[in-house]
Amino acid sequence: MTRQNRYDLLVVGGGINGAGIARDAAGRGLSVLLCEQDDLASHTSSASTKLIHGGLRYLEYREFGLVRKALLERETLLRAAPHIMRPLRFVMPHMPNLRPAWLIRIGLFLYDHLAKRELLPGSRAIDMRRHPAGAPLADSIRHGFVYSDGWVDDARLVVLNALDAKERGATILTHTKLVSAQRANGEWHAQLQRADGSTVTVCARAIANAAGPWVGSVLHGALGADANHSVRLVKGSHIVTKRLFEHDHAYIFQNPDKRIIFAIPYEHDYTLIGTTDVAYRADPAHVAIDSDETRYLCDSINRYFKHKITPADVCWTYSGVRPLLEEEGADNPSAVTRDYRLEMDNTDAAPLLSVFGGKITTFRKLAEEASDLLCRALGSSAGAWTAGKPLPGGDIANANFESFANALAARHQWLPASLARRYAHAYGTRAERMIGDAQSLDGLGAEIVPGIHERELRYLRDAEWATCAEDVLWRRSKLGLHVTPGSLDAVTAGLDRWFATAPAAPATPAAPVEH
């Protein structure tokens, strides 16, 4: 086995937990290889409700520890990546038949005070007849509350963690599946398979199994191991409609079944509505919304809004399978904890760490705790470091995105305002790297499809692992939502054609060689 094929840590899974662990471990000096069977964030981690939040409703289940942990992370993350995250105010209309006002006030008081806030304002009661958020709602709704949480571009969060891991020395292999791994002589010998069927063998002193919905199948299949914990698969589906309201607040709606539904301003012209909680037993790779879920989400919105929606108003849907930590006695999927467990197996001096459960808000803390365990097992004394470090593009002065975006537009006045704004949001300070020496739109290269120039595609391919139209339109961005349905096939074909014919990026020197 060559030195090129030896690593301290093999991370299995390119979702938010895997990418976060790879970043943290690489920053502590471990040699890291991450393998992902598909694209980064191609499953659960790009199918969230896009929120950085403490989880107000978890207070009802007395999960105070989880809520506090998540609340502590909100502002840490907002400072780390202000280009892909932003504070967001949420409006909760009061429905006396569902929860009494005093209970809501107690919950919001706890939410405000379980963790220190510096960026986010606290909660307050509002008169819906006078607040802008009351205008779209039924006239019978007269009172409500407003509180703070955060919004995040979830798929880009994963990519930025992987990018930081790479720049700290990690090797990131997408479209590469762990086939099997065996312990031998105090280390793991792992067989990886690329999309073209070719295989490579690598050795690693430890493995982190962060395969999300596949954590159990990787454990029992590829690794031949058992665990004390397991996950319950729960499908969460979302719908997107044309914009249902003009203001910049989001809504949190209470349902008679005690679930809550969010309605969130999305991609300028749309409203994101979700999520459902449905037990799921099929292949997580092929999850999709069903008609009952669509109707449920429409009905939930229609209880509150004057303007009613139907399934015909849905522009786009997406679904993900959440791997929730299995607990005894939690029959209702909504009651299953969103906390996580890290299970370490140190058999034969070749550690195996498996991640069960978790939520996007707590990924950094999860990665920190995982790296603590792994470093201890591998004899490294390197300590935690990610709490105060920005993600790539996030080194924006005072985390003031508006000032940054205005300055970027002023430096590149030849950029259309909407394009400059999109670059600022997507890439933060890395936008200058992508723009490079261009002094005009022509300098960005050919416009392969409307709004996407060749220079951006080269950046996404060479720096962010994009390999096809779907990666660009639905994960590195949500530009697919803005393409008219009649032209989406043509746009997709044009991008795929570019990826198939454009000169390939240089090979990554640290990638394992074939055996």
Protein backbone atom coordinates (compact mmCIF):
# COMPACT_ATOMS: atom_id res chain seq x y z
CA MET A 1 0.00 0.00 0.00
CA THR A 2 1.52 3.35 -1.03
CA ARG A 3 1.65 6.36 1.26
CA GLN A 4 -0.79 7.97 -1.14
CA ASN A 5 -3.41 5.42 -0.14
CA ARG A 6 -2.98 5.75 3.63
CA TYR A 7 -5.04 8.06 5.79
CA ASP A 8 -5.68 8.69 9.44
CA LEU A 9 -9.44 8.88 8.86
CA LEU A 10 -11.88 7.64 6.24
CA VAL A 11 -15.21 9.50 6.41
CA VAL A 12 -18.13 7.73 4.76
CA GLY A 13 -20.90 10.10 3.67
CA GLY A 14 -20.89 13.52 2.01
CA GLY A 15 -23.84 15.04 3.83
CA ILE A 16 -23.54 17.79 6.42
CA ASN A 17 -22.26 15.55 9.22
CA GLY A 18 -19.66 13.83 7.06
CA ALA A 19 -18.42 17.08 5.55
CA GLY A 20 -18.35 18.70 8.99
CA ILE A 21 -16.31 15.85 10.48
CA ALA A 22 -13.89 15.90 7.53
CA ARG A 23 -13.37 19.65 7.97
CA ASP A 24 -12.86 19.50 11.73
CA ALA A 25 -10.52 16.49 11.60
CA ALA A 26 -8.44 17.91 8.73
CA GLY A 27 -8.08 21.17 10.63
CA ARG A 28 -6.62 19.21 13.56
CA GLY A 29 -3.90 17.79 11.35
CA LEU A 30 -5.37 14.36 10.55
CA SER A 31 -5.03 13.07 7.00
CA VAL A 32 -8.62 12.63 5.85
CA LEU A 33 -10.38 10.95 2.94
CA LEU A 34 -14.12 11.50 2.48
CA CYS A 35 -16.08 9.29 0.09
CA GLU A 36 -19.65 9.96 -1.02
CA GLN A 37 -21.60 7.56 -3.25
CA ASP A 38 -23.38 10.42 -5.06
CA ASP A 39 -22.92 14.20 -5.10
CA LEU A 40 -22.30 16.19 -1.95
CA ALA A 41 -25.58 16.95 -0.15
CA SER A 42 -27.49 14.92 -2.73
CA HIS A 43 -29.96 13.47 -0.23
CA THR A 44 -31.09 14.52 3.27
CA SER A 45 -28.74 17.48 3.61
CA SER A 46 -30.25 19.33 0.64
CA ALA A 47 -33.83 18.46 1.60
CA SER A 48 -34.20 20.33 4.87
CA THR A 49 -36.50 23.25 5.69
CA LYS A 50 -33.38 25.47 5.32
CA LEU A 51 -33.46 26.63 8.94
CA ILE A 52 -30.78 27.23 11.55
CA HIS A 53 -33.01 27.02 14.60
CA GLY A 54 -33.25 25.83 18.14
CA GLY A 55 -36.47 23.96 17.49
CA LEU A 56 -39.17 25.83 19.37
CA ARG A 57 -41.58 22.91 19.26
CA TYR A 58 -39.06 20.56 20.91
CA LEU A 59 -39.67 22.42 24.17
CA GLU A 60 -43.05 20.69 24.32
CA TYR A 61 -41.20 17.36 24.40
CA ARG A 62 -38.94 18.71 27.20
CA GLU A 63 -35.82 18.45 25.05
CA PHE A 64 -34.24 21.41 26.78
CA GLY A 65 -30.68 20.14 26.30
CA LEU A 66 -31.13 19.77 22.54
CA VAL A 67 -32.80 23.18 22.22
CA ARG A 68 -30.05 24.90 24.21
CA LYS A 69 -27.33 23.20 22.16
CA ALA A 70 -29.00 24.29 18.92
CA LEU A 71 -29.62 27.83 20.18
CA LEU A 72 -25.94 28.16 21.10
CA GLU A 73 -25.00 27.15 17.57
CA ARG A 74 -27.29 29.62 15.75
CA GLU A 75 -25.13 32.70 16.11
CA THR A 76 -21.89 30.75 15.76
CA LEU A 77 -23.06 29.59 12.35
CA LEU A 78 -24.50 32.97 11.33
CA ARG A 79 -21.07 34.51 11.90
CA ALA A 80 -19.27 31.70 10.08
CA ALA A 81 -21.14 32.06 6.80
CA PRO A 82 -23.22 35.26 6.56
CA HIS A 83 -23.41 34.90 2.78
CA ILE A 84 -25.41 31.66 2.90
CA MET A 85 -27.13 32.28 6.24
CA ARG A 86 -29.25 35.14 7.51
CA PRO A 87 -31.37 36.01 10.53
CA LEU A 88 -35.08 35.47 9.97
CA ARG A 89 -38.10 36.63 11.97
CA PHE A 90 -40.93 34.16 12.44
CA VAL A 91 -44.57 35.03 13.02
CA MET A 92 -46.76 32.64 15.00
CA PRO A 93 -50.48 33.47 14.74
CA HIS A 94 -52.28 32.66 17.96
CA MET A 95 -55.03 30.06 17.68
CA PRO A 96 -56.65 29.81 21.14
CA ASN A 97 -58.14 26.39 20.41
CA LEU A 98 -54.67 24.88 19.83
CA ARG A 99 -52.34 26.32 22.46
CA PRO A 100 -53.11 28.93 25.15
CA ALA A 101 -51.28 32.25 24.94
CA TRP A 102 -49.65 31.78 28.34
CA LEU A 103 -48.04 28.52 27.20
CA ILE A 104 -46.66 30.17 24.08
CA ARG A 105 -45.28 33.07 26.12
CA ILE A 106 -43.49 30.67 28.47
CA GLY A 107 -42.05 28.75 25.53
CA LEU A 108 -40.80 31.92 23.82
CA PHE A 109 -39.30 33.20 27.08
CA LEU A 110 -37.31 29.99 27.40
CA TYR A 111 -36.35 30.18 23.73
CA ASP A 112 -35.01 33.71 24.24
CA HIS A 113 -33.04 32.88 27.37
CA LEU A 114 -31.70 29.33 27.10
CA ALA A 115 -28.68 30.71 25.22
CA LYS A 116 -27.03 34.10 24.83
CA ARG A 117 -28.13 36.20 21.85
CA GLU A 118 -26.13 39.01 20.25
CA LEU A 119 -27.25 39.04 16.60
CA LEU A 120 -30.88 37.99 16.98
CA PRO A 121 -33.65 40.09 18.58
CA GLY A 122 -35.97 38.52 21.12
CA SER A 123 -39.63 37.59 20.89
CA ARG A 124 -42.67 39.81 21.39
CA ALA A 125 -46.43 39.79 21.05
CA ILE A 126 -47.94 41.53 18.01
CA ASP A 127 -51.33 42.80 16.89
CA MET A 128 -52.05 41.06 13.59
CA ARG A 129 -54.43 43.83 12.57
CA ARG A 130 -51.53 46.30 12.54
CA HIS A 131 -48.47 44.16 11.70
CA PRO A 132 -47.67 43.62 7.97
CA ALA A 133 -47.63 39.86 8.57
CA GLY A 134 -51.31 39.97 9.45
CA ALA A 135 -52.49 41.25 6.05
CA PRO A 136 -52.36 37.91 4.16
CA LEU A 137 -54.02 36.01 7.01
CA ALA A 138 -57.68 35.37 7.75
CA ASP A 139 -59.43 38.33 9.42
CA SER A 140 -60.29 36.15 12.42
CA ILE A 141 -56.58 36.00 13.37
CA ARG A 142 -56.03 39.04 15.55
CA HIS A 143 -53.06 38.23 17.77
CA GLY A 144 -49.72 36.54 17.41
CA PHE A 145 -46.08 36.42 18.37
CA VAL A 146 -42.81 37.04 16.58
CA TYR A 147 -39.39 35.52 17.36
CA SER A 148 -36.00 34.97 15.71
CA ASP A 149 -34.15 32.08 14.10
CA GLY A 150 -31.99 31.74 11.00
CA TRP A 151 -32.19 30.64 7.36
CA VAL A 152 -29.46 28.66 5.53
CA ASP A 153 -28.72 27.41 2.04
CA ASP A 154 -28.31 23.83 3.25
CA ALA A 155 -26.63 22.29 0.19
CA ARG A 156 -24.08 25.08 -0.05
CA LEU A 157 -23.34 24.67 3.65
CA VAL A 158 -22.25 21.10 2.92
CA VAL A 159 -20.12 22.14 -0.05
CA LEU A 160 -18.38 24.88 1.94
CA ASN A 161 -17.50 22.43 4.70
CA ALA A 162 -16.08 20.02 2.12
CA LEU A 163 -14.17 22.87 0.44
CA ASP A 164 -12.64 23.94 3.75
CA ALA A 165 -11.72 20.33 4.49
CA LYS A 166 -10.00 20.06 1.11
CA GLU A 167 -8.07 23.28 1.64
CA ARG A 168 -6.89 21.90 4.98
CA GLY A 169 -5.53 18.78 3.29
CA ALA A 170 -8.48 16.40 3.02
CA THR A 171 -9.24 14.39 -0.11
CA ILE A 172 -12.89 14.55 -1.19
CA LEU A 173 -14.12 11.80 -3.54
CA THR A 174 -17.67 12.16 -4.81
CA HIS A 175 -19.45 9.42 -6.76
CA THR A 176 -17.32 6.94 -4.83
CA LYS A 177 -18.95 4.24 -2.71
CA LEU A 178 -17.56 2.26 0.19
CA VAL A 179 -17.98 -1.37 -0.88
CA SER A 180 -16.37 -3.10 2.07
CA ALA A 181 -13.84 -2.59 4.84
CA GLN A 182 -12.05 -5.01 7.15
CA ARG A 183 -9.83 -4.56 10.17
CA ALA A 184 -6.32 -5.95 9.79
CA ASN A 185 -3.15 -5.23 11.75
CA GLY A 186 -4.69 -2.36 13.66
CA GLU A 187 -6.12 -0.48 10.68
CA TRP A 188 -8.95 -0.55 8.18
CA HIS A 189 -8.50 -1.84 4.63
CA ALA A 190 -11.34 -0.33 2.61
CA GLN A 191 -12.46 -0.98 -0.95
CA LEU A 192 -14.00 1.99 -2.75
CA GLN A 193 -15.85 1.90 -6.07
CA ARG A 194 -16.13 4.81 -8.50
CA ALA A 195 -19.13 5.51 -10.71
CA ASP A 196 -17.37 3.91 -13.69
CA GLY A 197 -17.00 0.65 -11.77
CA SER A 198 -13.26 0.91 -11.12
CA THR A 199 -12.09 0.19 -7.59
CA VAL A 200 -9.40 1.47 -5.27
CA THR A 201 -8.14 0.18 -1.95
CA VAL A 202 -7.18 2.54 0.87
CA CYS A 203 -6.00 2.07 4.41
CA ALA A 204 -7.22 4.20 7.29
CA ARG A 205 -6.44 4.18 10.99
CA ALA A 206 -10.10 5.01 11.73
CA ILE A 207 -13.47 5.22 9.99
CA ALA A 208 -16.30 7.69 10.64
CA ASN A 209 -19.61 6.34 9.40
CA ALA A 210 -21.70 9.44 8.67
CA ALA A 211 -23.88 7.88 5.99
CA GLY A 212 -27.14 9.38 7.25
CA PRO A 213 -30.10 7.19 6.26
CA TRP A 214 -27.59 4.50 5.24
CA VAL A 215 -25.68 4.47 8.54
CA GLY A 216 -27.17 1.09 9.47
CA SER A 217 -26.70 -0.54 6.07
CA VAL A 218 -23.06 0.65 5.95
CA LEU A 219 -22.49 -0.73 9.44
CA HIS A 220 -24.06 -4.12 8.85
CA GLY A 221 -23.08 -4.44 5.20
CA ALA A 222 -19.81 -2.82 4.16
CA LEU A 223 -18.31 -2.82 7.66
CA GLY A 224 -19.75 -6.05 9.03
CA ALA A 225 -20.31 -4.45 12.43
CA ASP A 226 -23.11 -4.10 14.96
CA ALA A 227 -24.21 -1.07 16.98
CA ASN A 228 -26.11 -0.24 20.14
CA HIS A 229 -28.13 2.48 18.42
CA SER A 230 -30.26 2.60 15.30
CA VAL A 231 -32.14 5.19 13.28
CA ARG A 232 -35.77 5.61 12.40
CA LEU A 233 -36.31 6.83 8.85
CA VAL A 234 -38.85 9.64 8.58
CA LYS A 235 -39.80 11.31 5.31
CA GLY A 236 -40.10 15.07 5.29
CA SER A 237 -41.61 16.69 2.20
CA HIS A 238 -41.86 20.32 1.12
CA ILE A 239 -43.78 22.20 -1.53
CA VAL A 240 -42.88 25.50 -3.22
CA THR A 241 -45.50 27.90 -4.59
CA LYS A 242 -45.42 31.34 -6.10
CA ARG A 243 -44.97 34.00 -3.41
CA LEU A 244 -47.92 34.07 -1.01
CA PHE A 245 -46.96 37.28 0.82
CA GLU A 246 -44.83 40.38 0.23
CA HIS A 247 -43.05 40.95 3.55
CA ASP A 248 -39.75 39.36 4.66
CA HIS A 249 -40.98 37.43 7.73
CA ALA A 250 -41.65 33.70 7.80
CA TYR A 251 -44.62 31.98 9.45
CA ILE A 252 -44.85 29.09 11.84
CA PHE A 253 -48.36 27.61 11.89
CA GLN A 254 -49.85 25.30 14.48
CA ASN A 255 -51.95 22.39 13.20
CA PRO A 256 -54.77 20.54 14.98
CA ASP A 257 -52.58 17.39 14.97
CA LYS A 258 -50.05 19.36 17.10
CA ARG A 259 -47.52 19.47 14.25
CA ILE A 260 -46.22 22.78 12.96
CA ILE A 261 -45.75 23.98 9.39
CA PHE A 262 -43.42 26.72 8.15
CA ALA A 263 -44.11 29.14 5.30
CA ILE A 264 -40.84 30.85 4.36
CA PRO A 265 -39.89 33.49 1.78
CA TYR A 266 -37.83 31.58 -0.78
CA GLU A 267 -35.73 32.51 -3.80
CA HIS A 268 -37.30 35.99 -4.08
CA ASP A 269 -40.41 34.93 -5.97
CA TYR A 270 -41.57 31.87 -4.05
CA THR A 271 -42.82 30.52 -0.72
CA LEU A 272 -41.39 27.34 0.78
CA ILE A 273 -43.89 25.28 2.79
CA GLY A 274 -43.08 22.29 4.98
CA THR A 275 -42.57 19.85 6.40
CA THR A 276 -44.35 16.54 6.80
CA ASP A 277 -43.31 13.71 9.13
CA VAL A 278 -44.08 10.29 7.65
CA ALA A 279 -42.55 6.96 8.62
CA TYR A 280 -40.47 5.67 5.70
CA ARG A 281 -39.28 2.14 4.90
CA ALA A 282 -38.28 2.26 1.22
CA ASP A 283 -34.96 3.18 -0.43
CA PRO A 284 -33.88 6.66 0.77
CA ALA A 285 -32.37 7.32 -2.65
CA HIS A 286 -35.82 7.34 -4.27
CA VAL A 287 -37.91 9.33 -1.82
CA ALA A 288 -40.65 11.58 -3.22
CA ILE A 289 -43.70 13.46 -2.01
CA ASP A 290 -47.09 11.77 -2.35
CA SER A 291 -50.51 13.29 -2.98
CA ASP A 292 -51.56 12.99 0.67
CA GLU A 293 -48.57 15.04 1.80
CA THR A 294 -49.22 17.69 -0.84
CA ARG A 295 -52.83 17.97 0.24
CA TYR A 296 -51.83 18.08 3.93
CA LEU A 297 -49.46 21.00 3.33
CA CYS A 298 -52.01 22.88 1.24
CA ASP A 299 -54.70 22.36 3.88
CA SER A 300 -52.33 23.53 6.61
CA ILE A 301 -51.69 26.78 4.77
CA ASN A 302 -55.35 27.28 3.91
CA ARG A 303 -56.32 27.30 7.59
CA TYR A 304 -54.49 30.60 7.91
CA PHE A 305 -54.23 32.44 4.57
CA LYS A 306 -57.01 34.35 2.87
CA HIS A 307 -55.72 33.22 -0.51
CA LYS A 308 -56.24 29.47 -0.77
CA ILE A 309 -53.86 27.17 -2.60
CA THR A 310 -54.37 23.80 -4.24
CA PRO A 311 -51.94 21.15 -5.48
CA ALA A 312 -52.16 22.84 -8.89
CA ASP A 313 -50.37 25.87 -7.40
CA VAL A 314 -47.30 23.85 -6.48
CA CYS A 315 -44.28 24.81 -8.60
CA TRP A 316 -41.78 22.34 -7.16
CA THR A 317 -41.49 19.72 -4.45
CA TYR A 318 -38.66 17.96 -2.70
CA SER A 319 -38.43 15.24 -0.08
CA GLY A 320 -35.74 13.88 2.18
CA VAL A 321 -35.36 11.00 4.60
CA ARG A 322 -34.29 12.08 8.06
CA PRO A 323 -32.32 9.43 9.99
CA LEU A 324 -33.69 10.12 13.47
CA LEU A 325 -32.27 8.48 16.54
CA GLU A 326 -34.51 5.55 17.45
CA GLU A 327 -36.03 5.72 20.92
CA GLU A 328 -38.37 3.40 22.78
CA GLY A 329 -41.90 4.66 23.21
CA ALA A 330 -41.76 7.36 20.51
CA ASP A 331 -44.50 6.17 18.19
CA ASN A 332 -45.24 9.58 16.68
CA PRO A 333 -42.54 10.55 14.14
CA SER A 334 -42.88 14.17 15.22
CA ALA A 335 -41.97 13.19 18.78
CA VAL A 336 -38.77 11.35 17.83
CA THR A 337 -35.75 13.27 19.10
CA ARG A 338 -33.66 15.37 16.69
CA ASP A 339 -30.62 14.90 18.93
CA TYR A 340 -27.73 12.62 17.98
CA ARG A 341 -25.56 9.88 19.42
CA LEU A 342 -21.95 9.12 18.55
CA GLU A 343 -21.06 5.48 19.01
CA MET A 344 -17.36 4.53 19.14
CA ASP A 345 -16.05 1.00 18.61
CA ASN A 346 -12.33 0.71 19.41
CA THR A 347 -12.02 -2.99 18.60
CA ASP A 348 -8.55 -4.11 17.53
CA ALA A 349 -7.15 -0.57 17.83
CA ALA A 350 -8.90 0.44 14.59
CA PRO A 351 -11.63 2.85 15.73
CA LEU A 352 -15.05 3.00 14.10
CA LEU A 353 -17.28 5.95 14.92
CA SER A 354 -20.91 5.93 13.79
CA VAL A 355 -23.27 8.91 13.75
CA PHE A 356 -26.92 8.34 14.62
CA GLY A 357 -29.44 11.15 14.23
CA GLY A 358 -28.74 14.86 14.32
CA LYS A 359 -30.02 18.02 12.67
CA ILE A 360 -28.39 20.57 10.43
CA THR A 361 -28.20 23.24 13.15
CA THR A 362 -26.02 21.09 15.40
CA PHE A 363 -23.70 19.67 12.72
CA ARG A 364 -20.66 21.73 13.80
CA LYS A 365 -20.96 20.64 17.43
CA LEU A 366 -21.50 17.04 16.34
CA ALA A 367 -18.36 17.22 14.18
CA GLU A 368 -16.39 18.73 17.04
CA GLU A 369 -17.44 15.98 19.45
CA ALA A 370 -16.75 13.31 16.82
CA SER A 371 -13.26 14.70 16.17
CA ASP A 372 -12.59 14.83 19.92
CA LEU A 373 -13.36 11.10 20.15
CA LEU A 374 -11.38 10.22 17.04
CA CYS A 375 -8.32 12.26 18.00
CA ARG A 376 -8.31 10.72 21.45
CA ALA A 377 -8.48 7.23 19.96
CA LEU A 378 -5.70 8.01 17.47
CA GLY A 379 -3.41 9.56 20.04
CA SER A 380 -3.70 13.14 18.82
CA SER A 381 -3.86 16.02 21.28
CA ALA A 382 -5.21 18.53 18.74
CA GLY A 383 -8.13 20.48 20.11
CA ALA A 384 -11.36 22.02 18.87
CA TRP A 385 -10.98 24.98 16.50
CA THR A 386 -14.08 25.51 14.33
CA ALA A 387 -16.21 27.70 16.63
CA GLY A 388 -14.52 30.96 15.63
CA LYS A 389 -13.48 30.17 12.06
CA PRO A 390 -15.47 31.31 9.02
CA LEU A 391 -16.37 28.93 6.23
CA PRO A 392 -14.97 29.68 2.75
CA GLY A 393 -16.39 32.99 1.57
CA GLY A 394 -17.67 33.82 5.05
CA ASP A 395 -14.83 36.12 6.11
CA ILE A 396 -17.09 39.17 5.70
CA ALA A 397 -16.28 42.14 7.91
CA ASN A 398 -18.53 42.22 10.97
CA ALA A 399 -20.68 39.53 9.29
CA ASN A 400 -22.40 42.44 7.51
CA PHE A 401 -23.61 40.87 4.28
CA GLU A 402 -25.40 43.95 2.94
CA SER A 403 -22.28 46.10 3.11
CA PHE A 404 -20.27 43.34 1.48
CA ALA A 405 -22.80 42.79 -1.32
CA ASN A 406 -22.99 46.52 -2.06
CA ALA A 407 -19.19 46.77 -2.20
CA LEU A 408 -18.97 43.79 -4.56
CA ALA A 409 -21.53 45.35 -6.89
CA ALA A 410 -19.64 48.68 -6.79
CA ARG A 411 -16.34 46.99 -7.73
CA HIS A 412 -17.99 45.20 -10.66
CA GLN A 413 -20.49 47.71 -11.98
CA TRP A 414 -20.60 45.88 -15.31
CA LEU A 415 -22.37 42.97 -13.59
CA PRO A 416 -26.18 43.07 -13.74
CA ALA A 417 -27.46 43.83 -10.24
CA SER A 418 -29.24 40.49 -9.89
CA LEU A 419 -26.12 38.56 -10.94
CA ALA A 420 -23.87 40.49 -8.58
CA ARG A 421 -26.30 39.78 -5.75
CA ARG A 422 -26.43 36.08 -6.58
CA TYR A 423 -22.64 35.84 -6.69
CA ALA A 424 -22.41 37.57 -3.31
CA HIS A 425 -24.88 35.17 -1.73
CA ALA A 426 -23.46 32.02 -3.30
CA TYR A 427 -19.75 32.63 -2.95
CA GLY A 428 -19.24 35.42 -0.43
CA THR A 429 -15.66 36.69 -0.58
CA ARG A 430 -14.84 33.78 -2.90
CA ALA A 431 -16.85 35.57 -5.61
CA GLU A 432 -13.68 37.48 -6.48
CA ARG A 433 -11.89 34.20 -7.17
CA MET A 434 -14.69 33.07 -9.45
CA ILE A 435 -14.93 36.41 -11.28
CA GLY A 436 -11.15 36.53 -11.58
CA ASP A 437 -9.80 39.14 -13.98
CA ALA A 438 -13.06 39.58 -15.89
CA GLN A 439 -13.91 43.21 -16.67
CA SER A 440 -17.14 42.57 -18.58
CA LEU A 441 -19.77 39.90 -19.13
CA ASP A 442 -17.74 38.71 -22.12
CA GLY A 443 -14.88 38.13 -19.70
CA LEU A 444 -17.00 35.56 -17.87
CA GLY A 445 -17.08 33.45 -21.01
CA ALA A 446 -20.00 32.15 -22.99
CA GLU A 447 -23.44 32.20 -21.38
CA ILE A 448 -24.04 28.46 -21.54
CA VAL A 449 -27.63 28.86 -20.32
CA PRO A 450 -29.39 32.05 -19.21
CA GLY A 451 -27.62 33.53 -16.18
CA ILE A 452 -24.83 30.94 -16.03
CA HIS A 453 -21.54 31.79 -17.69
CA GLU A 454 -18.68 29.46 -18.46
CA ARG A 455 -16.38 30.90 -15.81
CA GLU A 456 -18.87 30.07 -13.06
CA LEU A 457 -19.30 26.56 -14.41
CA ARG A 458 -15.54 26.03 -14.40
CA TYR A 459 -15.39 27.24 -10.82
CA LEU A 460 -18.21 24.92 -9.75
CA ARG A 461 -16.57 21.99 -11.51
CA ASP A 462 -12.97 22.61 -10.46
CA ALA A 463 -13.54 23.91 -6.91
CA GLU A 464 -16.93 22.51 -5.85
CA TRP A 465 -17.18 19.03 -7.39
CA ALA A 466 -20.11 19.79 -9.73
CA THR A 467 -20.32 17.21 -12.52
CA CYS A 468 -23.72 17.72 -14.17
CA ALA A 469 -26.70 20.02 -14.64
CA GLU A 470 -28.52 18.71 -11.55
CA ASP A 471 -25.56 19.58 -9.33
CA VAL A 472 -25.60 23.16 -10.63
CA LEU A 473 -29.33 23.81 -10.90
CA TRP A 474 -30.56 22.18 -7.69
CA ARG A 475 -27.66 21.92 -5.21
CA ARG A 476 -24.93 24.50 -5.93
CA SER A 477 -27.85 26.83 -6.62
CA LYS A 478 -31.62 26.77 -6.98
CA LEU A 479 -31.54 28.27 -10.46
CA GLY A 480 -33.62 25.35 -11.71
CA LEU A 481 -36.60 26.84 -9.91
CA HIS A 482 -36.34 30.01 -11.99
CA VAL A 483 -36.24 28.21 -15.35
CA THR A 484 -39.60 28.05 -17.09
CA PRO A 485 -40.90 24.46 -17.10
CA GLY A 486 -40.99 24.43 -20.88
CA SER A 487 -37.28 25.22 -21.17
CA LEU A 488 -35.93 23.19 -18.22
CA ASP A 489 -35.11 20.17 -20.39
CA ALA A 490 -33.18 22.35 -22.84
CA VAL A 491 -31.29 24.11 -20.03
CA THR A 492 -30.43 20.77 -18.41
CA ALA A 493 -29.25 19.35 -21.73
CA GLY A 494 -27.11 22.43 -22.40
CA LEU A 495 -25.37 22.18 -19.03
CA ASP A 496 -24.84 18.43 -19.30
CA ARG A 497 -23.38 18.94 -22.76
CA TRP A 498 -20.94 21.50 -21.36
CA PHE A 499 -19.81 19.12 -18.61
CA ALA A 500 -19.35 16.35 -21.16
CA THR A 501 -17.25 18.40 -23.58
CA ALA A 502 -15.38 21.04 -21.53
CA PRO A 503 -11.71 20.23 -20.83
CA ALA A 504 -11.36 18.27 -17.62
CA ALA A 505 -9.96 19.80 -14.46
CA PRO A 506 -6.48 18.64 -13.35
CA ALA A 507 -6.53 15.42 -11.33
CA THR A 508 -6.32 15.77 -7.56
CA PRO A 509 -2.78 14.66 -6.56
CA ALA A 510 -3.93 13.14 -3.28
CA ALA A 511 -6.58 10.88 -4.83
CA PRO A 512 -5.93 7.15 -4.26
CA VAL A 513 -4.48 5.16 -7.13
CA GLU A 514 -6.05 2.05 -8.62
CA HIS A 515 -4.76 -1.29 -7.46
